[in-house]
Amino acid sequence: MGSARSVGLRGEELALSFLSRLGYHLLEKNYRCRLGEIDLIMKDGQNLVFIEVKTRRSDSYGAPQEAVGPLKQAKIRKLARYYLMTKGIREQQVRFDVVAIRFGGGKYHIEHLKGVF
């Protein structure tokens, strides 16, 4: 399937396509600043959603969503605050989602976890 980076990029593309079919609208992809990166920033109705995409080829190291532990969550929250501040966004409903993708046997499985932190 390729390098870990190529697996991650493929996972992000699959997540974007999946969420777009659900009616989400893309605002930013791979938003980067001095604090780090947020995979996807999308609108779901009135909600601004910060989305972390985790992709795995196997569960050898645990389920993909397990990689979004307390430290990663804190970092994403900090990035989200920075994004809101720099964009001048106030009084906005925000949500934090994880999209977990598993590849195996030439197929993939997507699990969308809404508002998980």
PDB file of N, CA and C in Angstrom:
ATOM      1  N   MET A   1       0.818  -1.200   0.000  1.00  0.00           N
ATOM      2  CA  MET A   1       0.000   0.000   0.000  1.00  0.00           C
ATOM      3  C   MET A   1       0.853   1.252   0.000  1.00  0.00           C
ATOM      4  N   GLY A   2       2.115   1.171   0.398  1.00  0.00           N
ATOM      5  CA  GLY A   2       2.960   2.351   0.349  1.00  0.00           C
ATOM      6  C   GLY A   2       3.411   2.778   1.727  1.00  0.00           C
ATOM      7  N   SER A   3       4.025   3.949   1.755  1.00  0.00           N
ATOM      8  CA  SER A   3       4.557   4.486   3.000  1.00  0.00           C
ATOM      9  C   SER A   3       3.441   4.925   3.942  1.00  0.00           C
ATOM     10  N   ALA A   4       3.822   5.136   5.199  1.00  0.00           N
ATOM     11  CA  ALA A   4       2.848   5.613   6.193  1.00  0.00           C
ATOM     12  C   ALA A   4       2.261   6.940   5.740  1.00  0.00           C
ATOM     13  N   ARG A   5       3.097   7.800   5.147  1.00  0.00           N
ATOM     14  CA  ARG A   5       2.624   9.114   4.666  1.00  0.00           C
ATOM     15  C   ARG A   5       1.579   8.941   3.566  1.00  0.00           C
ATOM     16  N   SER A   6       1.838   8.041   2.613  1.00  0.00           N
ATOM     17  CA  SER A   6       0.876   7.848   1.521  1.00  0.00           C
ATOM     18  C   SER A   6      -0.420   7.233   2.041  1.00  0.00           C
ATOM     19  N   VAL A   7      -0.332   6.370   3.036  1.00  0.00           N
ATOM     20  CA  VAL A   7      -1.533   5.793   3.649  1.00  0.00           C
ATOM     21  C   VAL A   7      -2.338   6.906   4.327  1.00  0.00           C
ATOM     22  N   GLY A   8      -1.646   7.789   5.031  1.00  0.00           N
ATOM     23  CA  GLY A   8      -2.315   8.906   5.699  1.00  0.00           C
ATOM     24  C   GLY A   8      -2.994   9.842   4.713  1.00  0.00           C
ATOM     25  N   LEU A   9      -2.304  10.150   3.614  1.00  0.00           N
ATOM     26  CA  LEU A   9      -2.892  11.037   2.596  1.00  0.00           C
ATOM     27  C   LEU A   9      -4.118  10.397   1.952  1.00  0.00           C
ATOM     28  N   ARG A  10      -4.030   9.103   1.680  1.00  0.00           N
ATOM     29  CA  ARG A  10      -5.186   8.384   1.101  1.00  0.00           C
ATOM     30  C   ARG A  10      -6.353   8.405   2.087  1.00  0.00           C
ATOM     31  N   GLY A  11      -6.054   8.211   3.365  1.00  0.00           N
ATOM     32  CA  GLY A  11      -7.093   8.269   4.386  1.00  0.00           C
ATOM     33  C   GLY A  11      -7.761   9.632   4.445  1.00  0.00           C
ATOM     34  N   GLU A  12      -6.987  10.703   4.351  1.00  0.00           N
ATOM     35  CA  GLU A  12      -7.563  12.049   4.380  1.00  0.00           C
ATOM     36  C   GLU A  12      -8.475  12.281   3.182  1.00  0.00           C
ATOM     37  N   GLU A  13      -8.068  11.792   2.004  1.00  0.00           N
ATOM     38  CA  GLU A  13      -8.913  11.935   0.812  1.00  0.00           C
ATOM     39  C   GLU A  13     -10.224  11.163   0.972  1.00  0.00           C
ATOM     40  N   LEU A  14     -10.135   9.941   1.501  1.00  0.00           N
ATOM     41  CA  LEU A  14     -11.342   9.143   1.733  1.00  0.00           C
ATOM     42  C   LEU A  14     -12.258   9.811   2.753  1.00  0.00           C
ATOM     43  N   ALA A  15     -11.672  10.363   3.821  1.00  0.00           N
ATOM     44  CA  ALA A  15     -12.463  11.046   4.850  1.00  0.00           C
ATOM     45  C   ALA A  15     -13.162  12.262   4.266  1.00  0.00           C
ATOM     46  N   LEU A  16     -12.441  13.046   3.477  1.00  0.00           N
ATOM     47  CA  LEU A  16     -13.033  14.238   2.858  1.00  0.00           C
ATOM     48  C   LEU A  16     -14.195  13.855   1.943  1.00  0.00           C
ATOM     49  N   SER A  17     -14.008  12.843   1.134  1.00  0.00           N
ATOM     50  CA  SER A  17     -15.071  12.382   0.235  1.00  0.00           C
ATOM     51  C   SER A  17     -16.280  11.884   1.030  1.00  0.00           C
ATOM     52  N   PHE A  18     -16.025  11.094   2.066  1.00  0.00           N
ATOM     53  CA  PHE A  18     -17.081  10.545   2.924  1.00  0.00           C
ATOM     54  C   PHE A  18     -17.894  11.672   3.572  1.00  0.00           C
ATOM     55  N   LEU A  19     -17.202  12.637   4.176  1.00  0.00           N
ATOM     56  CA  LEU A  19     -17.885  13.733   4.874  1.00  0.00           C
ATOM     57  C   LEU A  19     -18.616  14.651   3.897  1.00  0.00           C
ATOM     58  N   SER A  20     -18.042  14.865   2.729  1.00  0.00           N
ATOM     59  CA  SER A  20     -18.703  15.697   1.711  1.00  0.00           C
ATOM     60  C   SER A  20     -20.020  15.067   1.281  1.00  0.00           C
ATOM     61  N   ARG A  21     -20.030  13.734   1.150  1.00  0.00           N
ATOM     62  CA  ARG A  21     -21.278  13.039   0.791  1.00  0.00           C
ATOM     63  C   ARG A  21     -22.341  13.182   1.879  1.00  0.00           C
ATOM     64  N   LEU A  22     -21.894  13.407   3.129  1.00  0.00           N
ATOM     65  CA  LEU A  22     -22.832  13.615   4.239  1.00  0.00           C
ATOM     66  C   LEU A  22     -23.317  15.056   4.323  1.00  0.00           C
ATOM     67  N   GLY A  23     -22.808  15.926   3.440  1.00  0.00           N
ATOM     68  CA  GLY A  23     -23.245  17.317   3.419  1.00  0.00           C
ATOM     69  C   GLY A  23     -22.313  18.296   4.117  1.00  0.00           C
ATOM     70  N   TYR A  24     -21.164  17.821   4.584  1.00  0.00           N
ATOM     71  CA  TYR A  24     -20.179  18.727   5.186  1.00  0.00           C
ATOM     72  C   TYR A  24     -19.542  19.560   4.076  1.00  0.00           C
ATOM     73  N   HIS A  25     -19.150  20.792   4.422  1.00  0.00           N
ATOM     74  CA  HIS A  25     -18.507  21.686   3.456  1.00  0.00           C
ATOM     75  C   HIS A  25     -17.089  21.990   3.921  1.00  0.00           C
ATOM     76  N   LEU A  26     -16.126  21.761   3.049  1.00  0.00           N
ATOM     77  CA  LEU A  26     -14.718  21.950   3.376  1.00  0.00           C
ATOM     78  C   LEU A  26     -14.367  23.428   3.477  1.00  0.00           C
ATOM     79  N   LEU A  27     -13.714  23.806   4.573  1.00  0.00           N
ATOM     80  CA  LEU A  27     -13.168  25.150   4.746  1.00  0.00           C
ATOM     81  C   LEU A  27     -11.648  25.131   4.603  1.00  0.00           C
ATOM     82  N   GLU A  28     -11.007  24.149   5.229  1.00  0.00           N
ATOM     83  CA  GLU A  28      -9.547  24.041   5.196  1.00  0.00           C
ATOM     84  C   GLU A  28      -9.145  22.573   5.181  1.00  0.00           C
ATOM     85  N   LYS A  29      -8.112  22.294   4.411  1.00  0.00           N
ATOM     86  CA  LYS A  29      -7.532  20.950   4.404  1.00  0.00           C
ATOM     87  C   LYS A  29      -6.068  21.096   4.786  1.00  0.00           C
ATOM     88  N   ASN A  30      -5.613  20.311   5.744  1.00  0.00           N
ATOM     89  CA  ASN A  30      -4.239  20.370   6.239  1.00  0.00           C
ATOM     90  C   ASN A  30      -3.866  21.797   6.645  1.00  0.00           C
ATOM     91  N   TYR A  31      -4.722  22.387   7.482  1.00  0.00           N
ATOM     92  CA  TYR A  31      -4.457  23.738   7.999  1.00  0.00           C
ATOM     93  C   TYR A  31      -3.206  23.691   8.863  1.00  0.00           C
ATOM     94  N   ARG A  32      -2.212  24.493   8.493  1.00  0.00           N
ATOM     95  CA  ARG A  32      -0.945  24.512   9.227  1.00  0.00           C
ATOM     96  C   ARG A  32      -0.679  25.904   9.784  1.00  0.00           C
ATOM     97  N   CYS A  33      -0.131  25.914  10.978  1.00  0.00           N
ATOM     98  CA  CYS A  33       0.351  27.141  11.597  1.00  0.00           C
ATOM     99  C   CYS A  33       1.536  26.750  12.469  1.00  0.00           C
ATOM    100  N   ARG A  34       2.075  27.706  13.183  1.00  0.00           N
ATOM    101  CA  ARG A  34       3.272  27.421  13.996  1.00  0.00           C
ATOM    102  C   ARG A  34       3.003  26.415  15.108  1.00  0.00           C
ATOM    103  N   LEU A  35       1.728  26.185  15.438  1.00  0.00           N
ATOM    104  CA  LEU A  35       1.369  25.263  16.517  1.00  0.00           C
ATOM    105  C   LEU A  35       1.207  23.819  16.053  1.00  0.00           C
ATOM    106  N   GLY A  36       1.042  23.632  14.746  1.00  0.00           N
ATOM    107  CA  GLY A  36       0.837  22.276  14.242  1.00  0.00           C
ATOM    108  C   GLY A  36      -0.113  22.252  13.058  1.00  0.00           C
ATOM    109  N   GLU A  37      -0.843  21.149  12.919  1.00  0.00           N
ATOM    110  CA  GLU A  37      -1.722  20.950  11.769  1.00  0.00           C
ATOM    111  C   GLU A  37      -3.044  20.319  12.184  1.00  0.00           C
ATOM    112  N   ILE A  38      -4.105  20.777  11.531  1.00  0.00           N
ATOM    113  CA  ILE A  38      -5.429  20.158  11.665  1.00  0.00           C
ATOM    114  C   ILE A  38      -5.759  19.561  10.305  1.00  0.00           C
ATOM    115  N   ASP A  39      -6.144  18.294  10.284  1.00  0.00           N
ATOM    116  CA  ASP A  39      -6.371  17.608   9.017  1.00  0.00           C
ATOM    117  C   ASP A  39      -7.469  18.256   8.184  1.00  0.00           C
ATOM    118  N   LEU A  40      -8.657  18.396   8.770  1.00  0.00           N
ATOM    119  CA  LEU A  40      -9.787  18.981   8.047  1.00  0.00           C
ATOM    120  C   LEU A  40     -10.551  19.932   8.956  1.00  0.00           C
ATOM    121  N   ILE A  41     -10.970  21.037   8.378  1.00  0.00           N
ATOM    122  CA  ILE A  41     -11.880  21.954   9.062  1.00  0.00           C
ATOM    123  C   ILE A  41     -13.075  22.107   8.131  1.00  0.00           C
ATOM    124  N   MET A  42     -14.259  21.728   8.630  1.00  0.00           N
ATOM    125  CA  MET A  42     -15.444  21.684   7.788  1.00  0.00           C
ATOM    126  C   MET A  42     -16.643  22.285   8.518  1.00  0.00           C
ATOM    127  N   LYS A  43     -17.663  22.617   7.749  1.00  0.00           N
ATOM    128  CA  LYS A  43     -18.940  23.059   8.316  1.00  0.00           C
ATOM    129  C   LYS A  43     -19.934  21.915   8.198  1.00  0.00           C
ATOM    130  N   ASP A  44     -20.629  21.665   9.300  1.00  0.00           N
ATOM    131  CA  ASP A  44     -21.724  20.693   9.336  1.00  0.00           C
ATOM    132  C   ASP A  44     -22.928  21.464   9.856  1.00  0.00           C
ATOM    133  N   GLY A  45     -23.743  21.980   8.952  1.00  0.00           N
ATOM    134  CA  GLY A  45     -24.834  22.861   9.362  1.00  0.00           C
ATOM    135  C   GLY A  45     -24.251  24.117   9.983  1.00  0.00           C
ATOM    136  N   GLN A  46     -24.636  24.403  11.212  1.00  0.00           N
ATOM    137  CA  GLN A  46     -24.129  25.582  11.919  1.00  0.00           C
ATOM    138  C   GLN A  46     -22.829  25.307  12.674  1.00  0.00           C
ATOM    139  N   ASN A  47     -22.409  24.059  12.727  1.00  0.00           N
ATOM    140  CA  ASN A  47     -21.203  23.682  13.481  1.00  0.00           C
ATOM    141  C   ASN A  47     -19.939  23.813  12.641  1.00  0.00           C
ATOM    142  N   LEU A  48     -18.906  24.364  13.259  1.00  0.00           N
ATOM    143  CA  LEU A  48     -17.569  24.352  12.690  1.00  0.00           C
ATOM    144  C   LEU A  48     -16.892  23.124  13.287  1.00  0.00           C
ATOM    145  N   VAL A  49     -16.435  22.219  12.423  1.00  0.00           N
ATOM    146  CA  VAL A  49     -15.938  20.931  12.892  1.00  0.00           C
ATOM    147  C   VAL A  49     -14.453  20.789  12.580  1.00  0.00           C
ATOM    148  N   PHE A  50     -13.676  20.529  13.630  1.00  0.00           N
ATOM    149  CA  PHE A  50     -12.249  20.260  13.502  1.00  0.00           C
ATOM    150  C   PHE A  50     -12.096  18.746  13.509  1.00  0.00           C
ATOM    151  N   ILE A  51     -11.500  18.217  12.455  1.00  0.00           N
ATOM    152  CA  ILE A  51     -11.508  16.775  12.245  1.00  0.00           C
ATOM    153  C   ILE A  51     -10.085  16.224  12.174  1.00  0.00           C
ATOM    154  N   GLU A  52      -9.824  15.231  13.000  1.00  0.00           N
ATOM    155  CA  GLU A  52      -8.560  14.503  12.969  1.00  0.00           C
ATOM    156  C   GLU A  52      -8.819  13.177  12.252  1.00  0.00           C
ATOM    157  N   VAL A  53      -8.026  12.904  11.240  1.00  0.00           N
ATOM    158  CA  VAL A  53      -8.157  11.667  10.468  1.00  0.00           C
ATOM    159  C   VAL A  53      -7.004  10.743  10.859  1.00  0.00           C
ATOM    160  N   LYS A  54      -7.339   9.521  11.260  1.00  0.00           N
ATOM    161  CA  LYS A  54      -6.334   8.521  11.601  1.00  0.00           C
ATOM    162  C   LYS A  54      -6.556   7.287  10.736  1.00  0.00           C
ATOM    163  N   THR A  55      -5.493   6.864  10.090  1.00  0.00           N
ATOM    164  CA  THR A  55      -5.572   5.742   9.155  1.00  0.00           C
ATOM    165  C   THR A  55      -4.563   4.675   9.551  1.00  0.00           C
ATOM    166  N   ARG A  56      -4.985   3.427   9.482  1.00  0.00           N
ATOM    167  CA  ARG A  56      -4.109   2.300   9.818  1.00  0.00           C
ATOM    168  C   ARG A  56      -4.273   1.189   8.777  1.00  0.00           C
ATOM    169  N   ARG A  57      -3.190   0.464   8.579  1.00  0.00           N
ATOM    170  CA  ARG A  57      -3.233  -0.720   7.713  1.00  0.00           C
ATOM    171  C   ARG A  57      -3.631  -1.946   8.502  1.00  0.00           C
ATOM    172  N   SER A  58      -3.462  -1.889   9.834  1.00  0.00           N
ATOM    173  CA  SER A  58      -3.862  -3.004  10.698  1.00  0.00           C
ATOM    174  C   SER A  58      -4.103  -2.449  12.093  1.00  0.00           C
ATOM    175  N   ASP A  59      -4.610  -3.296  12.970  1.00  0.00           N
ATOM    176  CA  ASP A  59      -4.833  -2.894  14.363  1.00  0.00           C
ATOM    177  C   ASP A  59      -3.667  -3.318  15.259  1.00  0.00           C
ATOM    178  N   SER A  60      -2.518  -3.626  14.665  1.00  0.00           N
ATOM    179  CA  SER A  60      -1.353  -4.066  15.434  1.00  0.00           C
ATOM    180  C   SER A  60      -0.973  -3.079  16.531  1.00  0.00           C
ATOM    181  N   TYR A  61      -1.158  -1.797  16.240  1.00  0.00           N
ATOM    182  CA  TYR A  61      -0.831  -0.754  17.211  1.00  0.00           C
ATOM    183  C   TYR A  61      -2.093  -0.154  17.819  1.00  0.00           C
ATOM    184  N   GLY A  62      -3.190  -0.868  17.733  1.00  0.00           N
ATOM    185  CA  GLY A  62      -4.462  -0.389  18.254  1.00  0.00           C
ATOM    186  C   GLY A  62      -5.320   0.201  17.158  1.00  0.00           C
ATOM    187  N   ALA A  63      -6.553   0.489  17.514  1.00  0.00           N
ATOM    188  CA  ALA A  63      -7.498   1.088  16.570  1.00  0.00           C
ATOM    189  C   ALA A  63      -7.031   2.501  16.232  1.00  0.00           C
ATOM    190  N   PRO A  64      -7.332   2.982  15.035  1.00  0.00           N
ATOM    191  CA  PRO A  64      -6.865   4.315  14.639  1.00  0.00           C
ATOM    192  C   PRO A  64      -7.249   5.420  15.627  1.00  0.00           C
ATOM    193  N   GLN A  65      -8.488   5.401  16.097  1.00  0.00           N
ATOM    194  CA  GLN A  65      -8.954   6.462  16.991  1.00  0.00           C
ATOM    195  C   GLN A  65      -8.228   6.477  18.333  1.00  0.00           C
ATOM    196  N   GLU A  66      -7.633   5.348  18.716  1.00  0.00           N
ATOM    197  CA  GLU A  66      -6.883   5.293  19.970  1.00  0.00           C
ATOM    198  C   GLU A  66      -5.637   6.169  19.934  1.00  0.00           C
ATOM    199  N   ALA A  67      -5.196   6.558  18.728  1.00  0.00           N
ATOM    200  CA  ALA A  67      -4.028   7.423  18.586  1.00  0.00           C
ATOM    201  C   ALA A  67      -4.359   8.887  18.901  1.00  0.00           C
ATOM    202  N   VAL A  68      -5.635   9.170  19.122  1.00  0.00           N
ATOM    203  CA  VAL A  68      -6.046  10.545  19.454  1.00  0.00           C
ATOM    204  C   VAL A  68      -6.318  10.594  20.954  1.00  0.00           C
ATOM    205  N   GLY A  69      -5.230  10.518  21.708  1.00  0.00           N
ATOM    206  CA  GLY A  69      -5.303  10.524  23.169  1.00  0.00           C
ATOM    207  C   GLY A  69      -5.372  11.935  23.733  1.00  0.00           C
ATOM    208  N   PRO A  70      -5.287  12.053  25.041  1.00  0.00           N
ATOM    209  CA  PRO A  70      -5.420  13.362  25.709  1.00  0.00           C
ATOM    210  C   PRO A  70      -4.428  14.428  25.221  1.00  0.00           C
ATOM    211  N   LEU A  71      -3.181  14.059  24.959  1.00  0.00           N
ATOM    212  CA  LEU A  71      -2.210  15.052  24.487  1.00  0.00           C
ATOM    213  C   LEU A  71      -2.559  15.557  23.088  1.00  0.00           C
ATOM    214  N   LYS A  72      -2.934  14.645  22.209  1.00  0.00           N
ATOM    215  CA  LYS A  72      -3.320  15.026  20.843  1.00  0.00           C
ATOM    216  C   LYS A  72      -4.589  15.872  20.878  1.00  0.00           C
ATOM    217  N   GLN A  73      -5.539  15.507  21.727  1.00  0.00           N
ATOM    218  CA  GLN A  73      -6.771  16.285  21.858  1.00  0.00           C
ATOM    219  C   GLN A  73      -6.474  17.707  22.323  1.00  0.00           C
ATOM    220  N   ALA A  74      -5.597  17.850  23.310  1.00  0.00           N
ATOM    221  CA  ALA A  74      -5.239  19.175  23.819  1.00  0.00           C
ATOM    222  C   ALA A  74      -4.578  20.010  22.724  1.00  0.00           C
ATOM    223  N   LYS A  75      -3.727  19.372  21.936  1.00  0.00           N
ATOM    224  CA  LYS A  75      -3.060  20.083  20.841  1.00  0.00           C
ATOM    225  C   LYS A  75      -4.079  20.558  19.808  1.00  0.00           C
ATOM    226  N   ILE A  76      -5.032  19.716  19.464  1.00  0.00           N
ATOM    227  CA  ILE A  76      -6.049  20.085  18.471  1.00  0.00           C
ATOM    228  C   ILE A  76      -6.927  21.214  19.017  1.00  0.00           C
ATOM    229  N   ARG A  77      -7.277  21.164  20.282  1.00  0.00           N
ATOM    230  CA  ARG A  77      -8.060  22.254  20.888  1.00  0.00           C
ATOM    231  C   ARG A  77      -7.300  23.578  20.803  1.00  0.00           C
ATOM    232  N   LYS A  78      -6.010  23.524  21.098  1.00  0.00           N
ATOM    233  CA  LYS A  78      -5.170  24.727  21.045  1.00  0.00           C
ATOM    234  C   LYS A  78      -5.111  25.267  19.612  1.00  0.00           C
ATOM    235  N   LEU A  79      -4.929  24.376  18.649  1.00  0.00           N
ATOM    236  CA  LEU A  79      -4.928  24.769  17.241  1.00  0.00           C
ATOM    237  C   LEU A  79      -6.268  25.383  16.837  1.00  0.00           C
ATOM    238  N   ALA A  80      -7.357  24.798  17.319  1.00  0.00           N
ATOM    239  CA  ALA A  80      -8.690  25.313  16.999  1.00  0.00           C
ATOM    240  C   ALA A  80      -8.873  26.729  17.558  1.00  0.00           C
ATOM    241  N   ARG A  81      -8.436  26.954  18.799  1.00  0.00           N
ATOM    242  CA  ARG A  81      -8.524  28.310  19.384  1.00  0.00           C
ATOM    243  C   ARG A  81      -7.730  29.308  18.548  1.00  0.00           C
ATOM    244  N   TYR A  82      -6.539  28.904  18.136  1.00  0.00           N
ATOM    245  CA  TYR A  82      -5.701  29.763  17.308  1.00  0.00           C
ATOM    246  C   TYR A  82      -6.403  30.063  15.973  1.00  0.00           C
ATOM    247  N   TYR A  83      -6.963  29.048  15.352  1.00  0.00           N
ATOM    248  CA  TYR A  83      -7.680  29.218  14.086  1.00  0.00           C
ATOM    249  C   TYR A  83      -8.829  30.211  14.256  1.00  0.00           C
ATOM    250  N   LEU A  84      -9.642  30.013  15.282  1.00  0.00           N
ATOM    251  CA  LEU A  84     -10.776  30.903  15.521  1.00  0.00           C
ATOM    252  C   LEU A  84     -10.306  32.337  15.748  1.00  0.00           C
ATOM    253  N   MET A  85      -9.245  32.500  16.524  1.00  0.00           N
ATOM    254  CA  MET A  85      -8.726  33.837  16.813  1.00  0.00           C
ATOM    255  C   MET A  85      -8.210  34.518  15.546  1.00  0.00           C
ATOM    256  N   THR A  86      -7.394  33.807  14.758  1.00  0.00           N
ATOM    257  CA  THR A  86      -6.798  34.428  13.574  1.00  0.00           C
ATOM    258  C   THR A  86      -7.837  34.710  12.488  1.00  0.00           C
ATOM    259  N   LYS A  87      -8.912  33.952  12.457  1.00  0.00           N
ATOM    260  CA  LYS A  87      -9.973  34.166  11.468  1.00  0.00           C
ATOM    261  C   LYS A  87     -11.039  35.139  11.976  1.00  0.00           C
ATOM    262  N   GLY A  88     -10.904  35.575  13.248  1.00  0.00           N
ATOM    263  CA  GLY A  88     -11.880  36.504  13.823  1.00  0.00           C
ATOM    264  C   GLY A  88     -13.255  35.885  14.007  1.00  0.00           C
ATOM    265  N   ILE A  89     -13.291  34.583  14.255  1.00  0.00           N
ATOM    266  CA  ILE A  89     -14.561  33.873  14.412  1.00  0.00           C
ATOM    267  C   ILE A  89     -14.938  33.859  15.888  1.00  0.00           C
ATOM    268  N   ARG A  90     -16.138  34.364  16.175  1.00  0.00           N
ATOM    269  CA  ARG A  90     -16.652  34.384  17.548  1.00  0.00           C
ATOM    270  C   ARG A  90     -18.062  33.803  17.556  1.00  0.00           C
ATOM    271  N   GLU A  91     -18.493  33.417  18.728  1.00  0.00           N
ATOM    272  CA  GLU A  91     -19.871  32.920  18.874  1.00  0.00           C
ATOM    273  C   GLU A  91     -20.184  31.824  17.862  1.00  0.00           C
ATOM    274  N   GLN A  92     -19.303  30.878  17.752  1.00  0.00           N
ATOM    275  CA  GLN A  92     -19.453  29.789  16.785  1.00  0.00           C
ATOM    276  C   GLN A  92     -19.523  28.461  17.525  1.00  0.00           C
ATOM    277  N   GLN A  93     -20.512  27.646  17.178  1.00  0.00           N
ATOM    278  CA  GLN A  93     -20.578  26.287  17.708  1.00  0.00           C
ATOM    279  C   GLN A  93     -19.444  25.486  17.077  1.00  0.00           C
ATOM    280  N   VAL A  94     -18.617  24.856  17.909  1.00  0.00           N
ATOM    281  CA  VAL A  94     -17.537  24.035  17.375  1.00  0.00           C
ATOM    282  C   VAL A  94     -17.677  22.606  17.887  1.00  0.00           C
ATOM    283  N   ARG A  95     -17.109  21.699  17.116  1.00  0.00           N
ATOM    284  CA  ARG A  95     -17.151  20.291  17.487  1.00  0.00           C
ATOM    285  C   ARG A  95     -15.832  19.659  17.039  1.00  0.00           C
ATOM    286  N   PHE A  96     -15.432  18.612  17.739  1.00  0.00           N
ATOM    287  CA  PHE A  96     -14.212  17.893  17.413  1.00  0.00           C
ATOM    288  C   PHE A  96     -14.568  16.452  17.072  1.00  0.00           C
ATOM    289  N   ASP A  97     -14.274  16.058  15.842  1.00  0.00           N
ATOM    290  CA  ASP A  97     -14.573  14.715  15.350  1.00  0.00           C
ATOM    291  C   ASP A  97     -13.277  13.972  15.035  1.00  0.00           C
ATOM    292  N   VAL A  98     -13.382  12.660  15.032  1.00  0.00           N
ATOM    293  CA  VAL A  98     -12.295  11.799  14.564  1.00  0.00           C
ATOM    294  C   VAL A  98     -12.871  10.898  13.479  1.00  0.00           C
ATOM    295  N   VAL A  99     -12.137  10.782  12.380  1.00  0.00           N
ATOM    296  CA  VAL A  99     -12.486   9.817  11.343  1.00  0.00           C
ATOM    297  C   VAL A  99     -11.383   8.762  11.359  1.00  0.00           C
ATOM    298  N   ALA A 100     -11.775   7.533  11.687  1.00  0.00           N
ATOM    299  CA  ALA A 100     -10.849   6.410  11.777  1.00  0.00           C
ATOM    300  C   ALA A 100     -11.033   5.530  10.546  1.00  0.00           C
ATOM    301  N   ILE A 101      -9.924   5.257   9.861  1.00  0.00           N
ATOM    302  CA  ILE A 101      -9.980   4.458   8.638  1.00  0.00           C
ATOM    303  C   ILE A 101      -9.019   3.283   8.773  1.00  0.00           C
ATOM    304  N   ARG A 102      -9.557   2.095   8.441  1.00  0.00           N
ATOM    305  CA  ARG A 102      -8.744   0.875   8.450  1.00  0.00           C
ATOM    306  C   ARG A 102      -8.710   0.295   7.045  1.00  0.00           C
ATOM    307  N   PHE A 103      -7.506   0.006   6.567  1.00  0.00           N
ATOM    308  CA  PHE A 103      -7.333  -0.678   5.293  1.00  0.00           C
ATOM    309  C   PHE A 103      -7.070  -2.142   5.570  1.00  0.00           C
ATOM    310  N   GLY A 104      -7.535  -2.996   4.688  1.00  0.00           N
ATOM    311  CA  GLY A 104      -7.262  -4.427   4.820  1.00  0.00           C
ATOM    312  C   GLY A 104      -7.928  -5.214   3.724  1.00  0.00           C
ATOM    313  N   GLY A 105      -7.204  -6.126   3.142  1.00  0.00           N
ATOM    314  CA  GLY A 105      -7.771  -6.991   2.107  1.00  0.00           C
ATOM    315  C   GLY A 105      -8.266  -6.242   0.885  1.00  0.00           C
ATOM    316  N   GLY A 106      -7.595  -5.149   0.556  1.00  0.00           N
ATOM    317  CA  GLY A 106      -8.000  -4.365  -0.611  1.00  0.00           C
ATOM    318  C   GLY A 106      -9.233  -3.513  -0.380  1.00  0.00           C
ATOM    319  N   LYS A 107      -9.715  -3.475   0.859  1.00  0.00           N
ATOM    320  CA  LYS A 107     -10.909  -2.695   1.199  1.00  0.00           C
ATOM    321  C   LYS A 107     -10.556  -1.710   2.307  1.00  0.00           C
ATOM    322  N   TYR A 108     -11.516  -0.869   2.629  1.00  0.00           N
ATOM    323  CA  TYR A 108     -11.324   0.023   3.765  1.00  0.00           C
ATOM    324  C   TYR A 108     -12.636   0.165   4.525  1.00  0.00           C
ATOM    325  N   HIS A 109     -12.504   0.535   5.790  1.00  0.00           N
ATOM    326  CA  HIS A 109     -13.656   0.755   6.659  1.00  0.00           C
ATOM    327  C   HIS A 109     -13.510   2.123   7.308  1.00  0.00           C
ATOM    328  N   ILE A 110     -14.550   2.944   7.230  1.00  0.00           N
ATOM    329  CA  ILE A 110     -14.527   4.280   7.823  1.00  0.00           C
ATOM    330  C   ILE A 110     -15.453   4.313   9.031  1.00  0.00           C
ATOM    331  N   GLU A 111     -14.929   4.835  10.123  1.00  0.00           N
ATOM    332  CA  GLU A 111     -15.728   5.052  11.320  1.00  0.00           C
ATOM    333  C   GLU A 111     -15.655   6.541  11.663  1.00  0.00           C
ATOM    334  N   HIS A 112     -16.814   7.195  11.704  1.00  0.00           N
ATOM    335  CA  HIS A 112     -16.891   8.633  11.999  1.00  0.00           C
ATOM    336  C   HIS A 112     -17.372   8.809  13.436  1.00  0.00           C
ATOM    337  N   LEU A 113     -16.519   9.376  14.265  1.00  0.00           N
ATOM    338  CA  LEU A 113     -16.828   9.590  15.678  1.00  0.00           C
ATOM    339  C   LEU A 113     -17.073  11.085  15.868  1.00  0.00           C
ATOM    340  N   LYS A 114     -18.325  11.453  16.103  1.00  0.00           N
ATOM    341  CA  LYS A 114     -18.697  12.861  16.218  1.00  0.00           C
ATOM    342  C   LYS A 114     -18.593  13.353  17.646  1.00  0.00           C
ATOM    343  N   GLY A 115     -18.013  14.557  17.810  1.00  0.00           N
ATOM    344  CA  GLY A 115     -17.965  15.199  19.118  1.00  0.00           C
ATOM    345  C   GLY A 115     -17.292  14.367  20.175  1.00  0.00           C
ATOM    346  N   VAL A 116     -16.193  13.719  19.843  1.00  0.00           N
ATOM    347  CA  VAL A 116     -15.572  12.782  20.781  1.00  0.00           C
ATOM    348  C   VAL A 116     -14.687  13.427  21.837  1.00  0.00           C
ATOM    349  N   PHE A 117     -14.367  14.700  21.649  1.00  0.00           N
ATOM    350  CA  PHE A 117     -13.617  15.393  22.703  1.00  0.00           C
ATOM    351  C   PHE A 117     -13.900  16.868  22.643  1.00  0.00           C
TER     352      PHE A 117
END
